Amino acid sequence: WLIVEVLAVLLSLYLVTVNTDLTTIDLVA
């Protein structure tokens, strides 16, 4: 569920075209 959550957030950031310094490791944290 943690992996699914992080992937979903990454996909959402891509679809909304958010330019942010958030990394995948940040989202895991």
PDB file of all heavy atoms in Angstrom:
ATOM      1  N   TRP A   1       0.826  -1.208   0.000  1.00  0.00           N
ATOM      2  CA  TRP A   1       0.000   0.000   0.000  1.00  0.00           C
ATOM      3  C   TRP A   1       0.861   1.260   0.000  1.00  0.00           C
ATOM      4  O   TRP A   1       0.496   2.273  -0.602  1.00  0.00           O
ATOM      5  CB  TRP A   1      -0.938  -0.002   1.203  1.00  0.00           C
ATOM      6  CG  TRP A   1      -2.163  -0.821   1.004  1.00  0.00           C
ATOM      7  CD1 TRP A   1      -2.531  -1.951   1.678  1.00  0.00           C
ATOM      8  CD2 TRP A   1      -3.203  -0.585   0.049  1.00  0.00           C
ATOM      9  NE1 TRP A   1      -3.719  -2.441   1.213  1.00  0.00           N
ATOM     10  CE2 TRP A   1      -4.160  -1.624   0.209  1.00  0.00           C
ATOM     11  CE3 TRP A   1      -3.430   0.377  -0.915  1.00  0.00           C
ATOM     12  CZ2 TRP A   1      -5.311  -1.703  -0.569  1.00  0.00           C
ATOM     13  CZ3 TRP A   1      -4.580   0.300  -1.692  1.00  0.00           C
ATOM     14  CH2 TRP A   1      -5.499  -0.721  -1.510  1.00  0.00           C
ATOM     15  N   LEU A   2       2.022   1.205   0.678  1.00  0.00           N
ATOM     16  CA  LEU A   2       2.934   2.351   0.680  1.00  0.00           C
ATOM     17  C   LEU A   2       3.452   2.623  -0.723  1.00  0.00           C
ATOM     18  O   LEU A   2       3.504   3.774  -1.175  1.00  0.00           O
ATOM     19  CB  LEU A   2       4.096   2.087   1.636  1.00  0.00           C
ATOM     20  CG  LEU A   2       5.159   3.190   1.726  1.00  0.00           C
ATOM     21  CD1 LEU A   2       4.562   4.463   2.318  1.00  0.00           C
ATOM     22  CD2 LEU A   2       6.347   2.721   2.562  1.00  0.00           C
ATOM     23  N   ILE A   3       3.832   1.563  -1.430  1.00  0.00           N
ATOM     24  CA  ILE A   3       4.333   1.717  -2.801  1.00  0.00           C
ATOM     25  C   ILE A   3       3.238   2.255  -3.716  1.00  0.00           C
ATOM     26  O   ILE A   3       3.473   3.164  -4.524  1.00  0.00           O
ATOM     27  CB  ILE A   3       4.866   0.369  -3.324  1.00  0.00           C
ATOM     28  CG1 ILE A   3       6.089  -0.069  -2.514  1.00  0.00           C
ATOM     29  CG2 ILE A   3       5.215   0.465  -4.802  1.00  0.00           C
ATOM     30  CD1 ILE A   3       6.589  -1.456  -2.859  1.00  0.00           C
ATOM     31  N   VAL A   4       2.038   1.707  -3.586  1.00  0.00           N
ATOM     32  CA  VAL A   4       0.914   2.179  -4.400  1.00  0.00           C
ATOM     33  C   VAL A   4       0.636   3.654  -4.130  1.00  0.00           C
ATOM     34  O   VAL A   4       0.387   4.447  -5.065  1.00  0.00           O
ATOM     35  CB  VAL A   4      -0.348   1.334  -4.122  1.00  0.00           C
ATOM     36  CG1 VAL A   4      -1.574   1.972  -4.745  1.00  0.00           C
ATOM     37  CG2 VAL A   4      -0.161  -0.085  -4.633  1.00  0.00           C
ATOM     38  N   GLU A   5       0.684   4.047  -2.864  1.00  0.00           N
ATOM     39  CA  GLU A   5       0.430   5.440  -2.499  1.00  0.00           C
ATOM     40  C   GLU A   5       1.452   6.369  -3.131  1.00  0.00           C
ATOM     41  O   GLU A   5       1.098   7.405  -3.719  1.00  0.00           O
ATOM     42  CB  GLU A   5       0.462   5.582  -0.979  1.00  0.00           C
ATOM     43  CG  GLU A   5       0.257   7.016  -0.499  1.00  0.00           C
ATOM     44  CD  GLU A   5       0.449   7.158   0.999  1.00  0.00           C
ATOM     45  OE1 GLU A   5       0.568   6.122   1.690  1.00  0.00           O
ATOM     46  OE2 GLU A   5       0.476   8.317   1.487  1.00  0.00           O
ATOM     47  N   VAL A   6       2.729   6.018  -3.022  1.00  0.00           N
ATOM     48  CA  VAL A   6       3.789   6.864  -3.573  1.00  0.00           C
ATOM     49  C   VAL A   6       3.665   6.958  -5.093  1.00  0.00           C
ATOM     50  O   VAL A   6       3.790   8.049  -5.677  1.00  0.00           O
ATOM     51  CB  VAL A   6       5.175   6.319  -3.173  1.00  0.00           C
ATOM     52  CG1 VAL A   6       6.284   7.076  -3.902  1.00  0.00           C
ATOM     53  CG2 VAL A   6       5.376   6.440  -1.664  1.00  0.00           C
ATOM     54  N   LEU A   7       3.410   5.838  -5.753  1.00  0.00           N
ATOM     55  CA  LEU A   7       3.258   5.847  -7.213  1.00  0.00           C
ATOM     56  C   LEU A   7       2.055   6.684  -7.635  1.00  0.00           C
ATOM     57  O   LEU A   7       2.106   7.404  -8.642  1.00  0.00           O
ATOM     58  CB  LEU A   7       3.117   4.420  -7.730  1.00  0.00           C
ATOM     59  CG  LEU A   7       4.371   3.536  -7.627  1.00  0.00           C
ATOM     60  CD1 LEU A   7       4.065   2.133  -8.138  1.00  0.00           C
ATOM     61  CD2 LEU A   7       5.537   4.137  -8.397  1.00  0.00           C
ATOM     62  N   ALA A   8       0.972   6.597  -6.869  1.00  0.00           N
ATOM     63  CA  ALA A   8      -0.213   7.384  -7.187  1.00  0.00           C
ATOM     64  C   ALA A   8       0.060   8.877  -7.057  1.00  0.00           C
ATOM     65  O   ALA A   8      -0.391   9.677  -7.883  1.00  0.00           O
ATOM     66  CB  ALA A   8      -1.377   6.968  -6.279  1.00  0.00           C
ATOM     67  N   VAL A   9       0.795   9.252  -6.032  1.00  0.00           N
ATOM     68  CA  VAL A   9       1.132  10.661  -5.845  1.00  0.00           C
ATOM     69  C   VAL A   9       2.053  11.150  -6.966  1.00  0.00           C
ATOM     70  O   VAL A   9       1.879  12.249  -7.507  1.00  0.00           O
ATOM     71  CB  VAL A   9       1.786  10.885  -4.473  1.00  0.00           C
ATOM     72  CG1 VAL A   9       2.256  12.342  -4.331  1.00  0.00           C
ATOM     73  CG2 VAL A   9       0.819  10.551  -3.350  1.00  0.00           C
ATOM     74  N   LEU A  10       3.040  10.336  -7.330  1.00  0.00           N
ATOM     75  CA  LEU A  10       3.943  10.702  -8.425  1.00  0.00           C
ATOM     76  C   LEU A  10       3.172  10.884  -9.729  1.00  0.00           C
ATOM     77  O   LEU A  10       3.417  11.829 -10.481  1.00  0.00           O
ATOM     78  CB  LEU A  10       5.021   9.632  -8.594  1.00  0.00           C
ATOM     79  CG  LEU A  10       6.106   9.573  -7.516  1.00  0.00           C
ATOM     80  CD1 LEU A  10       7.004   8.368  -7.732  1.00  0.00           C
ATOM     81  CD2 LEU A  10       6.938  10.854  -7.513  1.00  0.00           C
ATOM     82  N   LEU A  11       2.235   9.983  -9.997  1.00  0.00           N
ATOM     83  CA  LEU A  11       1.420  10.098 -11.206  1.00  0.00           C
ATOM     84  C   LEU A  11       0.550  11.350 -11.163  1.00  0.00           C
ATOM     85  O   LEU A  11       0.412  12.060 -12.169  1.00  0.00           O
ATOM     86  CB  LEU A  11       0.545   8.854 -11.359  1.00  0.00           C
ATOM     87  CG  LEU A  11      -0.405   8.839 -12.566  1.00  0.00           C
ATOM     88  CD1 LEU A  11       0.382   8.922 -13.865  1.00  0.00           C
ATOM     89  CD2 LEU A  11      -1.280   7.590 -12.543  1.00  0.00           C
ATOM     90  N   SER A  12       0.000  11.651 -10.005  1.00  0.00           N
ATOM     91  CA  SER A  12      -0.839  12.845  -9.856  1.00  0.00           C
ATOM     92  C   SER A  12      -0.022  14.114 -10.067  1.00  0.00           C
ATOM     93  O   SER A  12      -0.483  15.061 -10.722  1.00  0.00           O
ATOM     94  CB  SER A  12      -1.495  12.858  -8.476  1.00  0.00           C
ATOM     95  OG  SER A  12      -2.310  11.719  -8.272  1.00  0.00           O
ATOM     96  N   LEU A  13       1.178  14.146  -9.518  1.00  0.00           N
ATOM     97  CA  LEU A  13       2.048  15.307  -9.716  1.00  0.00           C
ATOM     98  C   LEU A  13       2.377  15.498 -11.192  1.00  0.00           C
ATOM     99  O   LEU A  13       2.451  16.627 -11.683  1.00  0.00           O
ATOM    100  CB  LEU A  13       3.340  15.135  -8.910  1.00  0.00           C
ATOM    101  CG  LEU A  13       3.218  15.221  -7.381  1.00  0.00           C
ATOM    102  CD1 LEU A  13       4.539  14.875  -6.722  1.00  0.00           C
ATOM    103  CD2 LEU A  13       2.773  16.610  -6.939  1.00  0.00           C
ATOM    104  N   TYR A  14       2.553  14.395 -11.893  1.00  0.00           N
ATOM    105  CA  TYR A  14       2.857  14.471 -13.326  1.00  0.00           C
ATOM    106  C   TYR A  14       1.644  14.972 -14.114  1.00  0.00           C
ATOM    107  O   TYR A  14       1.776  15.826 -15.001  1.00  0.00           O
ATOM    108  CB  TYR A  14       3.291  13.096 -13.829  1.00  0.00           C
ATOM    109  CG  TYR A  14       3.460  13.021 -15.326  1.00  0.00           C
ATOM    110  CD1 TYR A  14       4.591  13.561 -15.943  1.00  0.00           C
ATOM    111  CD2 TYR A  14       2.481  12.420 -16.126  1.00  0.00           C
ATOM    112  CE1 TYR A  14       4.740  13.500 -17.325  1.00  0.00           C
ATOM    113  CE2 TYR A  14       2.625  12.359 -17.495  1.00  0.00           C
ATOM    114  CZ  TYR A  14       3.752  12.898 -18.093  1.00  0.00           C
ATOM    115  OH  TYR A  14       3.904  12.850 -19.454  1.00  0.00           O
ATOM    116  N   LEU A  15       0.479  14.446 -13.778  1.00  0.00           N
ATOM    117  CA  LEU A  15      -0.730  14.846 -14.511  1.00  0.00           C
ATOM    118  C   LEU A  15      -1.101  16.298 -14.262  1.00  0.00           C
ATOM    119  O   LEU A  15      -1.597  16.986 -15.161  1.00  0.00           O
ATOM    120  CB  LEU A  15      -1.898  13.927 -14.125  1.00  0.00           C
ATOM    121  CG  LEU A  15      -1.767  12.457 -14.533  1.00  0.00           C
ATOM    122  CD1 LEU A  15      -2.949  11.657 -14.024  1.00  0.00           C
ATOM    123  CD2 LEU A  15      -1.651  12.329 -16.048  1.00  0.00           C
ATOM    124  N   VAL A  16      -0.866  16.766 -13.038  1.00  0.00           N
ATOM    125  CA  VAL A  16      -1.187  18.154 -12.707  1.00  0.00           C
ATOM    126  C   VAL A  16      -0.064  19.088 -13.138  1.00  0.00           C
ATOM    127  O   VAL A  16      -0.192  20.304 -13.054  1.00  0.00           O
ATOM    128  CB  VAL A  16      -1.465  18.278 -11.188  1.00  0.00           C
ATOM    129  CG1 VAL A  16      -1.848  19.697 -10.805  1.00  0.00           C
ATOM    130  CG2 VAL A  16      -2.591  17.332 -10.788  1.00  0.00           C
ATOM    131  N   THR A  17       1.033  18.508 -13.632  1.00  0.00           N
ATOM    132  CA  THR A  17       2.220  19.259 -14.073  1.00  0.00           C
ATOM    133  C   THR A  17       2.748  20.179 -12.980  1.00  0.00           C
ATOM    134  O   THR A  17       2.865  21.394 -13.167  1.00  0.00           O
ATOM    135  CB  THR A  17       1.928  20.073 -15.345  1.00  0.00           C
ATOM    136  OG1 THR A  17       0.905  21.043 -15.061  1.00  0.00           O
ATOM    137  CG2 THR A  17       1.490  19.175 -16.479  1.00  0.00           C
ATOM    138  N   VAL A  18       3.049  19.596 -11.839  1.00  0.00           N
ATOM    139  CA  VAL A  18       3.595  20.345 -10.714  1.00  0.00           C
ATOM    140  C   VAL A  18       5.107  20.300 -10.779  1.00  0.00           C
ATOM    141  O   VAL A  18       5.700  19.215 -10.766  1.00  0.00           O
ATOM    142  CB  VAL A  18       3.100  19.765  -9.376  1.00  0.00           C
ATOM    143  CG1 VAL A  18       3.766  20.492  -8.217  1.00  0.00           C
ATOM    144  CG2 VAL A  18       1.595  19.884  -9.281  1.00  0.00           C
ATOM    145  N   ASN A  19       5.731  21.456 -10.888  1.00  0.00           N
ATOM    146  CA  ASN A  19       7.181  21.539 -10.831  1.00  0.00           C
ATOM    147  C   ASN A  19       7.604  21.739  -9.378  1.00  0.00           C
ATOM    148  O   ASN A  19       7.447  22.813  -8.818  1.00  0.00           O
ATOM    149  CB  ASN A  19       7.687  22.702 -11.686  1.00  0.00           C
ATOM    150  CG  ASN A  19       7.379  22.498 -13.153  1.00  0.00           C
ATOM    151  OD1 ASN A  19       7.497  21.387 -13.664  1.00  0.00           O
ATOM    152  ND2 ASN A  19       6.980  23.560 -13.835  1.00  0.00           N
ATOM    153  N   THR A  20       8.102  20.684  -8.769  1.00  0.00           N
ATOM    154  CA  THR A  20       8.442  20.736  -7.362  1.00  0.00           C
ATOM    155  C   THR A  20       9.749  20.004  -7.117  1.00  0.00           C
ATOM    156  O   THR A  20      10.173  19.170  -7.941  1.00  0.00           O
ATOM    157  CB  THR A  20       7.328  20.094  -6.505  1.00  0.00           C
ATOM    158  OG1 THR A  20       7.729  20.058  -5.145  1.00  0.00           O
ATOM    159  CG2 THR A  20       7.019  18.698  -6.980  1.00  0.00           C
ATOM    160  N   ASP A  21      10.392  20.336  -6.014  1.00  0.00           N
ATOM    161  CA  ASP A  21      11.630  19.653  -5.662  1.00  0.00           C
ATOM    162  C   ASP A  21      11.380  18.393  -4.842  1.00  0.00           C
ATOM    163  O   ASP A  21      12.312  17.782  -4.326  1.00  0.00           O
ATOM    164  CB  ASP A  21      12.573  20.592  -4.896  1.00  0.00           C
ATOM    165  CG  ASP A  21      11.940  21.131  -3.618  1.00  0.00           C
ATOM    166  OD1 ASP A  21      10.748  20.847  -3.380  1.00  0.00           O
ATOM    167  OD2 ASP A  21      12.644  21.843  -2.877  1.00  0.00           O
ATOM    168  N   LEU A  22      10.103  17.996  -4.718  1.00  0.00           N
ATOM    169  CA  LEU A  22       9.778  16.752  -4.037  1.00  0.00           C
ATOM    170  C   LEU A  22      10.355  15.577  -4.810  1.00  0.00           C
ATOM    171  O   LEU A  22      10.123  15.434  -6.011  1.00  0.00           O
ATOM    172  CB  LEU A  22       8.258  16.582  -3.934  1.00  0.00           C
ATOM    173  CG  LEU A  22       7.552  17.187  -2.721  1.00  0.00           C
ATOM    174  CD1 LEU A  22       6.046  17.006  -2.870  1.00  0.00           C
ATOM    175  CD2 LEU A  22       8.018  16.544  -1.435  1.00  0.00           C
ATOM    176  N   THR A  23      11.093  14.706  -4.123  1.00  0.00           N
ATOM    177  CA  THR A  23      11.638  13.515  -4.754  1.00  0.00           C
ATOM    178  C   THR A  23      10.832  12.292  -4.328  1.00  0.00           C
ATOM    179  O   THR A  23       9.996  12.369  -3.419  1.00  0.00           O
ATOM    180  CB  THR A  23      13.109  13.323  -4.364  1.00  0.00           C
ATOM    181  OG1 THR A  23      13.193  13.064  -2.947  1.00  0.00           O
ATOM    182  CG2 THR A  23      13.928  14.565  -4.693  1.00  0.00           C
ATOM    183  N   THR A  24      11.093  11.182  -4.980  1.00  0.00           N
ATOM    184  CA  THR A  24      10.413   9.941  -4.606  1.00  0.00           C
ATOM    185  C   THR A  24      10.746   9.562  -3.169  1.00  0.00           C
ATOM    186  O   THR A  24       9.885   9.091  -2.415  1.00  0.00           O
ATOM    187  CB  THR A  24      10.828   8.802  -5.553  1.00  0.00           C
ATOM    188  OG1 THR A  24      10.531   9.179  -6.899  1.00  0.00           O
ATOM    189  CG2 THR A  24      10.092   7.519  -5.214  1.00  0.00           C
ATOM    190  N   ILE A  25      11.985   9.787  -2.762  1.00  0.00           N
ATOM    191  CA  ILE A  25      12.399   9.464  -1.394  1.00  0.00           C
ATOM    192  C   ILE A  25      11.674  10.364  -0.396  1.00  0.00           C
ATOM    193  O   ILE A  25      11.285   9.913   0.688  1.00  0.00           O
ATOM    194  CB  ILE A  25      13.927   9.599  -1.241  1.00  0.00           C
ATOM    195  CG1 ILE A  25      14.644   8.686  -2.236  1.00  0.00           C
ATOM    196  CG2 ILE A  25      14.357   9.245   0.184  1.00  0.00           C
ATOM    197  CD1 ILE A  25      16.154   8.783  -2.183  1.00  0.00           C
ATOM    198  N   ASP A  26      11.475  11.636  -0.766  1.00  0.00           N
ATOM    199  CA  ASP A  26      10.702  12.540   0.092  1.00  0.00           C
ATOM    200  C   ASP A  26       9.292  11.999   0.315  1.00  0.00           C
ATOM    201  O   ASP A  26       8.786  11.994   1.441  1.00  0.00           O
ATOM    202  CB  ASP A  26      10.609  13.935  -0.538  1.00  0.00           C
ATOM    203  CG  ASP A  26      11.933  14.666  -0.509  1.00  0.00           C
ATOM    204  OD1 ASP A  26      12.778  14.345   0.354  1.00  0.00           O
ATOM    205  OD2 ASP A  26      12.132  15.561  -1.352  1.00  0.00           O
ATOM    206  N   LEU A  27       8.669  11.540  -0.758  1.00  0.00           N
ATOM    207  CA  LEU A  27       7.297  11.024  -0.651  1.00  0.00           C
ATOM    208  C   LEU A  27       7.252   9.757   0.192  1.00  0.00           C
ATOM    209  O   LEU A  27       6.306   9.551   0.964  1.00  0.00           O
ATOM    210  CB  LEU A  27       6.741  10.746  -2.045  1.00  0.00           C
ATOM    211  CG  LEU A  27       6.500  11.973  -2.931  1.00  0.00           C
ATOM    212  CD1 LEU A  27       6.048  11.553  -4.318  1.00  0.00           C
ATOM    213  CD2 LEU A  27       5.468  12.899  -2.294  1.00  0.00           C
ATOM    214  N   VAL A  28       8.269   8.899   0.063  1.00  0.00           N
ATOM    215  CA  VAL A  28       8.332   7.703   0.906  1.00  0.00           C
ATOM    216  C   VAL A  28       8.442   8.101   2.376  1.00  0.00           C
ATOM    217  O   VAL A  28       7.795   7.519   3.251  1.00  0.00           O
ATOM    218  CB  VAL A  28       9.516   6.813   0.495  1.00  0.00           C
ATOM    219  CG1 VAL A  28       9.712   5.675   1.504  1.00  0.00           C
ATOM    220  CG2 VAL A  28       9.309   6.239  -0.898  1.00  0.00           C
ATOM    221  N   ALA A  29       9.271   9.121   2.641  1.00  0.00           N
ATOM    222  CA  ALA A  29       9.439   9.584   4.020  1.00  0.00           C
ATOM    223  C   ALA A  29       8.141  10.139   4.584  1.00  0.00           C
ATOM    224  O   ALA A  29       7.706   9.748   5.677  1.00  0.00           O
ATOM    225  CB  ALA A  29      10.542  10.648   4.076  1.00  0.00           C
TER     226      ALA A  29
END
